[in-house]
C-alpha atoms as a PDB file:
ATOM      1  CA  MET A   1     -30.661  45.716 281.187  1.00  0.00           C
ATOM      2  CA  ASP A   2     -28.156  43.513 279.364  1.00  0.00           C
ATOM      3  CA  LEU A   3     -27.530  40.513 281.624  1.00  0.00           C
ATOM      4  CA  SER A   4     -24.715  39.200 279.413  1.00  0.00           C
ATOM      5  CA  GLN A   5     -22.259  41.724 280.843  1.00  0.00           C
ATOM      6  CA  TYR A   6     -22.568  40.003 284.232  1.00  0.00           C
ATOM      7  CA  LEU A   7     -22.531  36.411 283.006  1.00  0.00           C
ATOM      8  CA  GLN A   8     -19.162  35.467 281.602  1.00  0.00           C
ATOM      9  CA  ASN A   9     -18.083  31.866 281.479  1.00  0.00           C
ATOM     10  CA  GLY A  10     -15.020  32.106 279.272  1.00  0.00           C
ATOM     11  CA  GLU A  11     -16.696  33.136 276.052  1.00  0.00           C
ATOM     12  CA  GLU A  12     -19.255  35.788 275.368  1.00  0.00           C
ATOM     13  CA  THR A  13     -22.630  34.336 276.324  1.00  0.00           C
ATOM     14  CA  GLN A  14     -24.347  32.828 273.313  1.00  0.00           C
ATOM     15  CA  ALA A  15     -26.605  29.929 272.451  1.00  0.00           C
ATOM     16  CA  ASP A  16     -24.893  26.610 271.895  1.00  0.00           C
ATOM     17  CA  VAL A  17     -25.320  26.451 268.134  1.00  0.00           C
ATOM     18  CA  SER A  18     -23.774  22.982 268.021  1.00  0.00           C
ATOM     19  CA  GLN A  19     -26.941  21.646 269.695  1.00  0.00           C
ATOM     20  CA  GLN A  20     -29.256  23.515 267.339  1.00  0.00           C
ATOM     21  CA  LEU A  21     -27.613  22.437 264.071  1.00  0.00           C
ATOM     22  CA  SER A  22     -26.960  19.072 262.506  1.00  0.00           C
ATOM     23  CA  LYS A  23     -23.374  17.802 262.280  1.00  0.00           C
ATOM     24  CA  GLU A  24     -23.164  18.815 258.617  1.00  0.00           C
ATOM     25  CA  GLU A  25     -24.648  22.264 259.244  1.00  0.00           C
ATOM     26  CA  TYR A  26     -22.284  22.899 262.153  1.00  0.00           C
ATOM     27  CA  ALA A  27     -19.260  21.839 260.074  1.00  0.00           C
ATOM     28  CA  ALA A  28     -20.351  24.169 257.269  1.00  0.00           C
ATOM     29  CA  LEU A  29     -20.771  27.028 259.767  1.00  0.00           C
ATOM     30  CA  LYS A  30     -17.261  26.521 261.181  1.00  0.00           C
ATOM     31  CA  LYS A  31     -15.807  26.342 257.668  1.00  0.00           C
ATOM     32  CA  GLN A  32     -17.456  29.633 256.773  1.00  0.00           C
ATOM     33  CA  GLN A  33     -16.110  31.171 259.984  1.00  0.00           C
ATOM     34  CA  ARG A  34     -12.560  30.062 259.150  1.00  0.00           C
ATOM     35  CA  GLU A  35     -12.831  31.402 255.599  1.00  0.00           C
ATOM     36  CA  GLU A  36     -14.053  34.781 256.847  1.00  0.00           C
ATOM     37  CA  VAL A  37     -11.235  35.048 259.386  1.00  0.00           C
ATOM     38  CA  TRP A  38      -8.528  34.202 256.845  1.00  0.00           C
ATOM     39  CA  ALA A  39     -10.072  36.636 254.362  1.00  0.00           C
ATOM     40  CA  GLU A  40      -9.732  39.336 257.025  1.00  0.00           C
ATOM     41  CA  VAL A  41      -6.110  38.345 257.686  1.00  0.00           C
ATOM     42  CA  ASP A  42      -5.260  38.494 253.966  1.00  0.00           C
ATOM     43  CA  SER A  43      -7.019  41.817 253.521  1.00  0.00           C
ATOM     44  CA  LYS A  44      -5.098  43.345 256.415  1.00  0.00           C
ATOM     45  CA  ALA A  45      -1.802  41.964 255.075  1.00  0.00           C
ATOM     46  CA  GLN A  46      -2.342  43.829 251.814  1.00  0.00           C
ATOM     47  CA  GLU A  47      -3.522  46.945 253.627  1.00  0.00           C
ATOM     48  CA  VAL A  48      -0.439  47.376 255.829  1.00  0.00           C
ATOM     49  CA  PHE A  49       1.832  47.487 252.760  1.00  0.00           C
ATOM     50  CA  GLN A  50      -0.095  50.261 251.008  1.00  0.00           C
ATOM     51  CA  ASP A  51       2.409  52.969 251.958  1.00  0.00           C
ATOM     52  CA  GLY A  52       5.171  53.824 254.391  1.00  0.00           C
ATOM     53  CA  ASP A  53       2.844  55.199 257.059  1.00  0.00           C
ATOM     54  CA  SER A  54       0.583  52.138 257.086  1.00  0.00           C
ATOM     55  CA  LEU A  55       3.597  49.828 257.356  1.00  0.00           C
ATOM     56  CA  LYS A  56       5.119  51.977 260.087  1.00  0.00           C
ATOM     57  CA  ASN A  57       1.926  51.782 262.156  1.00  0.00           C
ATOM     58  CA  PHE A  58       1.800  48.014 261.853  1.00  0.00           C
ATOM     59  CA  LEU A  59       5.478  47.597 262.762  1.00  0.00           C
ATOM     60  CA  ASN A  60       4.846  49.802 265.804  1.00  0.00           C
ATOM     61  CA  PHE A  61       2.102  47.360 266.760  1.00  0.00           C
ATOM     62  CA  ILE A  62       4.512  44.409 266.493  1.00  0.00           C
ATOM     63  CA  ALA A  63       6.927  46.272 268.782  1.00  0.00           C
ATOM     64  CA  GLN A  64       4.303  46.769 271.516  1.00  0.00           C
ATOM     65  CA  CYS A  65       2.414  43.464 271.270  1.00  0.00           C
ATOM     66  CA  LYS A  66       3.596  40.345 273.060  1.00  0.00           C
ATOM     67  CA  PRO A  67       4.740  37.558 270.692  1.00  0.00           C
ATOM     68  CA  GLN A  68       2.071  36.184 268.371  1.00  0.00           C
ATOM     69  CA  LYS A  69       2.106  34.363 265.067  1.00  0.00           C
ATOM     70  CA  ALA A  70       1.865  36.549 261.974  1.00  0.00           C
ATOM     71  CA  ALA A  71      -1.808  35.778 261.268  1.00  0.00           C
ATOM     72  CA  ASN A  72      -2.830  36.799 264.788  1.00  0.00           C
ATOM     73  CA  LEU A  73      -0.774  39.994 264.613  1.00  0.00           C
ATOM     74  CA  LEU A  74      -2.708  41.010 261.495  1.00  0.00           C
ATOM     75  CA  LEU A  75      -6.044  39.885 262.906  1.00  0.00           C
ATOM     76  CA  LEU A  76      -5.589  41.643 266.244  1.00  0.00           C
ATOM     77  CA  TYR A  77      -4.190  44.808 264.653  1.00  0.00           C
ATOM     78  CA  GLY A  78      -7.319  45.074 262.522  1.00  0.00           C
ATOM     79  CA  GLN A  79      -9.522  44.889 265.617  1.00  0.00           C
ATOM     80  CA  ASN A  80      -7.606  47.174 267.969  1.00  0.00           C
ATOM     81  CA  PRO A  81      -4.130  48.665 267.336  1.00  0.00           C
ATOM     82  CA  GLU A  82      -3.781  49.340 271.082  1.00  0.00           C
ATOM     83  CA  ILE A  83      -3.651  45.649 272.031  1.00  0.00           C
ATOM     84  CA  ARG A  84      -0.554  44.727 274.036  1.00  0.00           C
ATOM     85  CA  GLN A  85      -0.977  41.214 275.405  1.00  0.00           C
ATOM     86  CA  VAL A  86      -3.779  38.782 274.650  1.00  0.00           C
ATOM     87  CA  LYS A  87      -4.646  35.350 275.968  1.00  0.00           C
ATOM     88  CA  THR A  88      -7.699  33.153 275.780  1.00  0.00           C
ATOM     89  CA  PHE A  89     -10.048  32.983 278.758  1.00  0.00           C
ATOM     90  CA  ASP A  90      -8.421  29.706 279.824  1.00  0.00           C
ATOM     91  CA  GLY A  91      -4.987  31.265 279.447  1.00  0.00           C
ATOM     92  CA  TRP A  92      -5.829  34.075 281.856  1.00  0.00           C
ATOM     93  CA  LYS A  93      -7.633  31.645 284.153  1.00  0.00           C
ATOM     94  CA  LYS A  94      -4.434  29.607 284.562  1.00  0.00           C
ATOM     95  CA  GLU A  95      -2.865  32.779 285.946  1.00  0.00           C
ATOM     96  CA  HIS A  96      -5.837  33.218 288.313  1.00  0.00           C
ATOM     97  CA  LYS A  97      -6.963  36.344 286.460  1.00  0.00           C
ATOM     98  CA  THR A  98     -10.577  37.318 285.737  1.00  0.00           C
ATOM     99  CA  LEU A  99     -12.230  39.527 283.126  1.00  0.00           C
ATOM    100  CA  ARG A 100     -13.463  43.011 283.770  1.00  0.00           C
ATOM    101  CA  THR A 101     -17.227  43.460 283.629  1.00  0.00           C
ATOM    102  CA  GLY A 102     -18.491  43.860 280.074  1.00  0.00           C
ATOM    103  CA  ALA A 103     -15.248  42.713 278.413  1.00  0.00           C
ATOM    104  CA  HIS A 104     -15.787  41.491 274.856  1.00  0.00           C
ATOM    105  CA  GLY A 105     -13.135  39.260 273.353  1.00  0.00           C
ATOM    106  CA  TYR A 106     -11.213  39.642 270.120  1.00  0.00           C
ATOM    107  CA  THR A 107     -11.332  37.090 267.331  1.00  0.00           C
ATOM    108  CA  PHE A 108      -8.241  34.928 267.694  1.00  0.00           C
ATOM    109  CA  ILE A 109      -6.604  31.879 266.083  1.00  0.00           C
ATOM    110  CA  ALA A 110      -5.546  29.402 268.789  1.00  0.00           C
ATOM    111  CA  ASP A 111      -3.528  26.243 268.280  1.00  0.00           C
ATOM    112  CA  GLN A 112      -5.367  23.058 269.145  1.00  0.00           C
ATOM    113  CA  ASN A 113      -4.310  19.420 269.212  1.00  0.00           C
ATOM    114  CA  TYR A 114      -6.768  16.764 268.087  1.00  0.00           C
ATOM    115  CA  GLU A 115      -6.771  13.028 267.499  1.00  0.00           C
ATOM    116  CA  LYS A 116      -7.377  11.452 264.121  1.00  0.00           C
ATOM    117  CA  ASP A 117      -6.765   7.862 263.049  1.00  0.00           C
ATOM    118  CA  GLY A 118      -5.052   7.220 266.374  1.00  0.00           C
ATOM    119  CA  GLU A 119      -2.577  10.072 265.897  1.00  0.00           C
ATOM    120  CA  ILE A 120      -2.314  13.401 267.701  1.00  0.00           C
ATOM    121  CA  ARG A 121      -2.320  16.177 265.143  1.00  0.00           C
ATOM    122  CA  GLN A 122      -2.030  19.928 265.404  1.00  0.00           C
ATOM    123  CA  GLY A 123      -4.720  22.234 264.135  1.00  0.00           C
ATOM    124  CA  TYR A 124      -6.339  25.460 265.178  1.00  0.00           C
ATOM    125  CA  VAL A 125      -9.629  26.841 266.373  1.00  0.00           C
ATOM    126  CA  ILE A 126     -11.224  30.268 265.990  1.00  0.00           C
ATOM    127  CA  CYS A 127     -12.014  31.580 269.463  1.00  0.00           C
ATOM    128  CA  LYS A 128     -11.948  34.717 271.606  1.00  0.00           C
ATOM    129  CA  ALA A 129      -8.950  36.258 273.333  1.00  0.00           C
ATOM    130  CA  TYR A 130      -8.730  39.141 275.787  1.00  0.00           C
ATOM    131  CA  ASP A 131      -6.197  41.930 276.101  1.00  0.00           C
ATOM    132  CA  ILE A 132      -4.551  42.602 279.440  1.00  0.00           C
ATOM    133  CA  SER A 133      -6.443  45.920 279.581  1.00  0.00           C
ATOM    134  CA  GLN A 134      -9.626  43.835 279.936  1.00  0.00           C
ATOM    135  CA  ILE A 135      -8.272  41.878 282.897  1.00  0.00           C
ATOM    136  CA  ARG A 136      -8.635  42.627 286.590  1.00  0.00           C
ATOM    137  CA  THR A 137      -4.963  42.965 287.347  1.00  0.00           C
ATOM    138  CA  LYS A 138      -2.318  45.601 287.811  1.00  0.00           C
ATOM    139  CA  GLN A 139      -1.638  47.032 284.401  1.00  0.00           C
ATOM    140  CA  PRO A 140       1.976  46.884 283.178  1.00  0.00           C
ATOM    141  CA  GLU A 141       3.847  50.150 283.043  1.00  0.00           C
ATOM    142  CA  PRO A 142       5.889  51.135 279.980  1.00  0.00           C
ATOM    143  CA  PRO A 143       9.477  49.889 280.323  1.00  0.00           C
ATOM    144  CA  GLU A 144      12.014  52.460 281.371  1.00  0.00           C
ATOM    145  CA  PRO A 145      14.142  53.467 278.382  1.00  0.00           C
ATOM    146  CA  LYS A 146      17.678  52.141 278.525  1.00  0.00           C
ATOM    147  CA  PRO A 147      20.707  54.208 277.491  1.00  0.00           C
ATOM    148  CA  ILE A 148      21.963  53.313 274.042  1.00  0.00           C
ATOM    149  CA  GLN A 149      25.285  52.187 275.542  1.00  0.00           C
ATOM    150  CA  VAL A 150      23.458  49.643 277.716  1.00  0.00           C
ATOM    151  CA  LEU A 151      21.436  48.392 274.756  1.00  0.00           C
ATOM    152  CA  LEU A 152      24.547  48.000 272.613  1.00  0.00           C
ATOM    153  CA  GLY A 153      26.250  46.078 275.401  1.00  0.00           C
ATOM    154  CA  ALA A 154      23.281  43.699 275.692  1.00  0.00           C
ATOM    155  CA  LEU A 155      23.076  43.338 271.912  1.00  0.00           C
ATOM    156  CA  LEU A 156      26.757  42.478 271.450  1.00  0.00           C
ATOM    157  CA  LYS A 157      27.190  40.174 274.439  1.00  0.00           C
ATOM    158  CA  ASN A 158      27.450  36.456 273.603  1.00  0.00           C
ATOM    159  CA  THR A 159      25.844  36.755 270.165  1.00  0.00           C
ATOM    160  CA  GLU A 160      25.107  33.534 268.285  1.00  0.00           C
ATOM    161  CA  THR A 161      26.511  35.158 265.154  1.00  0.00           C
ATOM    162  CA  LYS A 162      30.029  36.541 265.480  1.00  0.00           C
ATOM    163  CA  VAL A 163      30.321  40.341 265.228  1.00  0.00           C
ATOM    164  CA  SER A 164      33.669  41.730 264.117  1.00  0.00           C
ATOM    165  CA  ILE A 165      34.999  45.240 263.448  1.00  0.00           C
ATOM    166  CA  ALA A 166      36.019  45.674 259.824  1.00  0.00           C
ATOM    167  CA  ASP A 167      38.732  48.232 259.132  1.00  0.00           C
ATOM    168  CA  LYS A 168      38.034  48.410 255.412  1.00  0.00           C
ATOM    169  CA  LEU A 169      34.444  48.144 254.243  1.00  0.00           C
ATOM    170  CA  PRO A 170      33.239  49.396 250.855  1.00  0.00           C
ATOM    171  CA  GLU A 171      31.790  52.878 250.845  1.00  0.00           C
ATOM    172  CA  ASN A 172      28.159  53.110 252.034  1.00  0.00           C
ATOM    173  CA  VAL A 173      28.371  49.711 253.747  1.00  0.00           C
ATOM    174  CA  GLN A 174      27.617  50.124 257.447  1.00  0.00           C
ATOM    175  CA  ALA A 175      27.642  46.425 258.318  1.00  0.00           C
ATOM    176  CA  GLN A 176      27.159  43.172 256.494  1.00  0.00           C
ATOM    177  CA  TYR A 177      26.496  39.539 257.342  1.00  0.00           C
ATOM    178  CA  ILE A 178      28.736  37.116 255.436  1.00  0.00           C
ATOM    179  CA  PRO A 179      27.038  33.698 255.447  1.00  0.00           C
ATOM    180  CA  GLY A 180      30.162  31.720 254.516  1.00  0.00           C
ATOM    181  CA  GLN A 181      31.888  32.949 257.670  1.00  0.00           C
ATOM    182  CA  ARG A 182      28.728  33.315 259.758  1.00  0.00           C
ATOM    183  CA  THR A 183      30.104  36.678 260.790  1.00  0.00           C
ATOM    184  CA  ILE A 184      28.795  40.249 260.796  1.00  0.00           C
ATOM    185  CA  PHE A 185      31.429  42.806 259.846  1.00  0.00           C
ATOM    186  CA  VAL A 186      30.724  46.302 261.191  1.00  0.00           C
ATOM    187  CA  ARG A 187      32.224  49.653 260.324  1.00  0.00           C
ATOM    188  CA  ASN A 188      33.855  51.324 263.313  1.00  0.00           C
ATOM    189  CA  GLY A 189      33.255  54.970 264.209  1.00  0.00           C
ATOM    190  CA  MET A 190      29.553  55.266 263.376  1.00  0.00           C
ATOM    191  CA  SER A 191      27.130  56.858 265.822  1.00  0.00           C
ATOM    192  CA  GLU A 192      25.798  54.554 268.538  1.00  0.00           C
ATOM    193  CA  GLU A 193      22.245  54.688 267.154  1.00  0.00           C
ATOM    194  CA  VAL A 194      23.320  53.854 263.593  1.00  0.00           C
ATOM    195  CA  THR A 195      25.509  51.040 264.912  1.00  0.00           C
ATOM    196  CA  PHE A 196      22.541  49.629 266.851  1.00  0.00           C
ATOM    197  CA  HIS A 197      20.323  49.727 263.746  1.00  0.00           C
ATOM    198  CA  ALA A 198      22.970  48.231 261.451  1.00  0.00           C
ATOM    199  CA  ILE A 199      23.818  45.322 263.739  1.00  0.00           C
ATOM    200  CA  ASN A 200      20.137  44.518 264.324  1.00  0.00           C
ATOM    201  CA  ARG A 201      19.554  44.519 260.562  1.00  0.00           C
ATOM    202  CA  GLU A 202      22.417  42.087 260.015  1.00  0.00           C
ATOM    203  CA  LEU A 203      21.403  39.881 262.932  1.00  0.00           C
ATOM    204  CA  ALA A 204      17.995  39.663 261.272  1.00  0.00           C
ATOM    205  CA  CYS A 205      19.710  38.610 258.032  1.00  0.00           C
ATOM    206  CA  ALA A 206      21.587  35.930 259.964  1.00  0.00           C
ATOM    207  CA  ALA A 207      18.317  34.761 261.558  1.00  0.00           C
ATOM    208  CA  MET A 208      16.895  34.161 258.082  1.00  0.00           C
ATOM    209  CA  ASP A 209      19.906  32.144 256.940  1.00  0.00           C
ATOM    210  CA  SER A 210      18.956  28.455 257.100  1.00  0.00           C
ATOM    211  CA  HIS A 211      22.566  27.463 256.301  1.00  0.00           C
ATOM    212  CA  ASP A 212      21.545  25.253 253.399  1.00  0.00           C
ATOM    213  CA  GLY A 213      23.076  27.328 250.606  1.00  0.00           C
ATOM    214  CA  THR A 214      19.843  29.139 249.695  1.00  0.00           C
ATOM    215  CA  TYR A 215      20.573  32.403 251.519  1.00  0.00           C
ATOM    216  CA  SER A 216      20.179  35.501 249.344  1.00  0.00           C
ATOM    217  CA  ARG A 217      20.853  38.927 250.781  1.00  0.00           C
ATOM    218  CA  VAL A 218      18.613  40.572 248.194  1.00  0.00           C
ATOM    219  CA  SER A 219      15.632  38.456 249.211  1.00  0.00           C
ATOM    220  CA  VAL A 220      15.985  39.017 252.979  1.00  0.00           C
ATOM    221  CA  SER A 221      17.171  42.644 253.131  1.00  0.00           C
ATOM    222  CA  PRO A 222      13.663  44.217 253.164  1.00  0.00           C
ATOM    223  CA  GLN A 223      12.519  41.990 256.030  1.00  0.00           C
ATOM    224  CA  ALA A 224      15.763  42.648 257.929  1.00  0.00           C
ATOM    225  CA  TYR A 225      15.307  46.396 257.495  1.00  0.00           C
ATOM    226  CA  CYS A 226      11.787  46.153 258.970  1.00  0.00           C
ATOM    227  CA  ALA A 227      13.099  44.017 261.836  1.00  0.00           C
ATOM    228  CA  ALA A 228      15.717  46.669 262.637  1.00  0.00           C
ATOM    229  CA  TYR A 229      12.953  49.289 262.740  1.00  0.00           C
ATOM    230  CA  VAL A 230      10.857  47.175 265.141  1.00  0.00           C
ATOM    231  CA  MET A 231      13.867  46.625 267.404  1.00  0.00           C
ATOM    232  CA  ALA A 232      14.517  50.368 267.549  1.00  0.00           C
ATOM    233  CA  GLN A 233      10.856  51.119 268.260  1.00  0.00           C
ATOM    234  CA  LYS A 234      10.694  48.395 270.904  1.00  0.00           C
ATOM    235  CA  TYR A 235      13.690  49.709 272.854  1.00  0.00           C
ATOM    236  CA  GLY A 236      13.098  53.425 272.365  1.00  0.00           C
ATOM    237  CA  VAL A 237      15.927  54.170 269.928  1.00  0.00           C
ATOM    238  CA  ASP A 238      15.468  56.975 267.387  1.00  0.00           C
ATOM    239  CA  THR A 239      13.804  55.736 264.163  1.00  0.00           C
ATOM    240  CA  SER A 240      13.823  58.972 262.141  1.00  0.00           C
ATOM    241  CA  GLY A 241      16.405  57.577 259.729  1.00  0.00           C
ATOM    242  CA  PHE A 242      14.140  54.764 258.486  1.00  0.00           C
ATOM    243  CA  GLN A 243      12.346  55.124 255.147  1.00  0.00           C
ATOM    244  CA  LEU A 244       9.677  52.421 254.903  1.00  0.00           C
ATOM    245  CA  GLY A 245       8.052  53.595 251.680  1.00  0.00           C
ATOM    246  CA  LYS A 246      10.635  51.748 249.583  1.00  0.00           C
ATOM    247  CA  ILE A 247       9.724  48.488 251.335  1.00  0.00           C
ATOM    248  CA  CYS A 248       6.101  48.948 250.287  1.00  0.00           C
ATOM    249  CA  GLU A 249       7.125  49.632 246.695  1.00  0.00           C
ATOM    250  CA  LEU A 250       9.069  46.355 246.634  1.00  0.00           C
ATOM    251  CA  GLN A 251       5.905  44.606 247.845  1.00  0.00           C
ATOM    252  CA  GLU A 252       3.899  46.312 245.069  1.00  0.00           C
ATOM    253  CA  ASN A 253       2.114  48.435 247.695  1.00  0.00           C
ATOM    254  CA  GLY A 254       0.225  45.417 248.963  1.00  0.00           C
ATOM    255  CA  ASN A 255      -0.805  44.027 245.574  1.00  0.00           C
ATOM    256  CA  ARG A 256       1.225  40.859 245.953  1.00  0.00           C
ATOM    257  CA  GLU A 257      -0.354  37.569 246.956  1.00  0.00           C
ATOM    258  CA  PRO A 258      -1.464  37.716 250.607  1.00  0.00           C
ATOM    259  CA  GLN A 259       0.432  34.506 251.370  1.00  0.00           C
ATOM    260  CA  GLU A 260       3.687  36.157 250.278  1.00  0.00           C
ATOM    261  CA  LEU A 261       2.984  39.197 252.430  1.00  0.00           C
ATOM    262  CA  ARG A 262       2.144  37.004 255.440  1.00  0.00           C
ATOM    263  CA  ALA A 263       5.426  35.132 254.932  1.00  0.00           C
ATOM    264  CA  PHE A 264       7.252  38.483 254.810  1.00  0.00           C
ATOM    265  CA  ILE A 265       5.673  39.509 258.125  1.00  0.00           C
ATOM    266  CA  GLY A 266       6.444  36.092 259.588  1.00  0.00           C
ATOM    267  CA  ASN A 267      10.144  36.517 258.785  1.00  0.00           C
ATOM    268  CA  VAL A 268      10.174  39.973 260.350  1.00  0.00           C
ATOM    269  CA  LYS A 269       8.542  38.909 263.602  1.00  0.00           C
ATOM    270  CA  ASN A 270      10.663  35.731 263.909  1.00  0.00           C
ATOM    271  CA  ALA A 271      13.861  37.769 263.584  1.00  0.00           C
ATOM    272  CA  VAL A 272      12.582  40.364 266.067  1.00  0.00           C
ATOM    273  CA  TYR A 273      11.614  37.756 268.653  1.00  0.00           C
ATOM    274  CA  ARG A 274      14.983  36.025 268.337  1.00  0.00           C
ATOM    275  CA  ILE A 275      17.038  39.218 268.750  1.00  0.00           C
ATOM    276  CA  SER A 276      14.858  40.680 271.516  1.00  0.00           C
ATOM    277  CA  ARG A 277      15.072  37.445 273.529  1.00  0.00           C
ATOM    278  CA  HIS A 278      18.857  37.759 273.332  1.00  0.00           C
ATOM    279  CA  ILE A 279      18.808  41.400 274.465  1.00  0.00           C
ATOM    280  CA  ASP A 280      16.280  40.816 277.255  1.00  0.00           C
ATOM    281  CA  ARG A 281      18.264  37.856 278.537  1.00  0.00           C
ATOM    282  CA  ASN A 282      21.426  39.968 278.739  1.00  0.00           C
ATOM    283  CA  LEU A 283      19.621  42.946 280.268  1.00  0.00           C
ATOM    284  CA  GLY A 284      18.329  40.633 282.981  1.00  0.00           C
ATOM    285  CA  GLN A 285      21.761  39.235 283.839  1.00  0.00           C
ATOM    286  CA  PRO A 286      23.945  41.882 285.497  1.00  0.00           C
ATOM    287  CA  GLU A 287      27.677  41.360 285.618  1.00  0.00           C
ATOM    288  CA  GLN A 288      28.856  39.074 288.424  1.00  0.00           C
ATOM    289  CA  GLU A 289      30.056  41.088 291.427  1.00  0.00           C
ATOM    290  CA  PHE A 290      32.757  39.981 293.856  1.00  0.00           C
ATOM    291  CA  THR A 291      31.233  39.016 297.213  1.00  0.00           C
ATOM    292  CA  ALA A 292      32.611  37.379 300.339  1.00  0.00           C
ATOM    293  CA  ASP A 293      32.610  33.581 300.142  1.00  0.00           C
ATOM    294  CA  ALA A 294      30.102  32.034 302.530  1.00  0.00           C
ATOM    295  CA  PHE A 295      32.077  28.766 302.504  1.00  0.00           C
ATOM    296  CA  ALA A 296      35.697  29.909 302.471  1.00  0.00           C
ATOM    297  CA  VAL A 297      38.274  27.188 303.244  1.00  0.00           C
ATOM    298  CA  SER A 298      40.215  27.990 306.417  1.00  0.00           C
ATOM    299  CA  GLU A 299      43.982  27.673 306.815  1.00  0.00           C
ATOM    300  CA  GLY A 300      43.522  24.884 309.345  1.00  0.00           C
ATOM    301  CA  VAL A 301      45.817  23.983 312.298  1.00  0.00           C
ATOM    302  CA  LYS A 302      49.398  22.850 311.611  1.00  0.00           C
ATOM    303  CA  GLY A 303      49.744  19.153 312.085  1.00  0.00           C
ATOM    304  CA  GLU A 304      46.000  18.585 312.248  1.00  0.00           C
ATOM    305  CA  SER A 305      45.885  16.955 308.839  1.00  0.00           C
ATOM    306  CA  GLN A 306      48.662  14.539 309.799  1.00  0.00           C
ATOM    307  CA  GLN A 307      46.781  13.568 312.951  1.00  0.00           C
ATOM    308  CA  MET A 308      43.594  12.989 310.962  1.00  0.00           C
ATOM    309  CA  ASN A 309      45.447  10.751 308.518  1.00  0.00           C
ATOM    310  CA  ALA A 310      47.254   8.776 311.229  1.00  0.00           C
ATOM    311  CA  PRO A 311      46.302   5.054 311.542  1.00  0.00           C
ATOM    312  CA  ASN A 312      43.653   4.178 314.127  1.00  0.00           C
ATOM    313  CA  PRO A 313      45.272   2.193 316.975  1.00  0.00           C
ATOM    314  CA  GLU A 314      42.014   0.386 317.639  1.00  0.00           C
ATOM    315  CA  GLY A 315      41.887  -1.027 314.147  1.00  0.00           C
ATOM    316  CA  PRO A 316      40.144  -0.077 310.929  1.00  0.00           C
ATOM    317  CA  ALA A 317      36.787   1.606 311.102  1.00  0.00           C
ATOM    318  CA  GLU A 318      33.726  -0.454 310.338  1.00  0.00           C
ATOM    319  CA  LYS A 319      32.730  -0.149 306.692  1.00  0.00           C
ATOM    320  CA  VAL A 320      29.374   1.318 305.969  1.00  0.00           C
ATOM    321  CA  GLN A 321      27.271  -0.937 303.770  1.00  0.00           C
ATOM    322  CA  LYS A 322      26.125   0.749 300.545  1.00  0.00           C
ATOM    323  CA  GLN A 323      22.411   0.851 300.088  1.00  0.00           C
ATOM    324  CA  LYS A 324      21.334  -0.997 297.020  1.00  0.00           C
ATOM    325  CA  GLY A 325      19.031   1.046 294.814  1.00  0.00           C
ATOM    326  CA  GLY A 326      17.548   0.854 291.355  1.00  0.00           C
ATOM    327  CA  LYS A 327      18.216   3.253 288.542  1.00  0.00           C
ATOM    328  CA  ALA A 328      16.138   6.377 288.428  1.00  0.00           C
ATOM    329  CA  LYS A 329      13.716   6.653 285.605  1.00  0.00           C
ATOM    330  CA  LYS A 330      14.856   8.943 282.813  1.00  0.00           C
ATOM    331  CA  GLN A 331      12.838  12.129 282.850  1.00  0.00           C
ATOM    332  CA  PRO A 332      11.224  13.030 279.555  1.00  0.00           C
ATOM    333  CA  GLU A 333      12.788  15.938 277.722  1.00  0.00           C
ATOM    334  CA  ARG A 334      10.822  19.152 277.858  1.00  0.00           C
END
């Protein structure tokens, strides 16, 4: 009998190696652990760009997985492509959730603050995280697909970047973000699906414009194209028109430096998270409906206002003394 499946205290039960090793040995062990994890991340980054199918599978994973930094997306994808939402043991505990019996965590990179030389600095720690499928809770159901008209309405409502119909665009130009005007010009008359893809692609371009004069459409177009694919996959819009093989060729089929490939993925996921937050916010805010006013102002009685404003024959009313109070403390910004 394996007793460890019944004893779970936040991490898989193991001996406290920090008490068995010297300070130097423990530091060397943690360094080796970090190097192995980052080697796995870099290896997976090169692997997902090998061909169109491998990239497609990874982008599908981004579409289904709750927001994570690029390194964790690669790390988690390599361990289980079915992962949807992971948190550390403490993260689930804060939500009063417990692990299922026998759940084994996934290697995960968690942010961690630490103090050095009297300053609070940000670092990270290699730990375990658990997918929602490993948690004793009602499992989320797949979202109900929204009609393309509803998605377009949510996409185009109150966009940070202006979207304008262009009557005359060059041939083969569906839509294009113009940084000098901070505007996306879109061809009218395209199918709803193509319009959705084209606007998402250009919104991704706009998301990668830092407005410092360094924007280059050539350098961001591949990432924007991938972001448009993820958005379509995420919201159930047809993706048959996407050809991801060319993206892999531009990335030398994964033979580029892993850091460059991680940065590429980071740009894709940042654009996706920004656009999807905008869509989700609009999908969650239905149009205001007209309802009866609970505090409607009545017509009043004729002459009543004059009587209320008439002078008091018994003299002026006694003034109420204002209570002296101090200023409220300014609340810290969140």
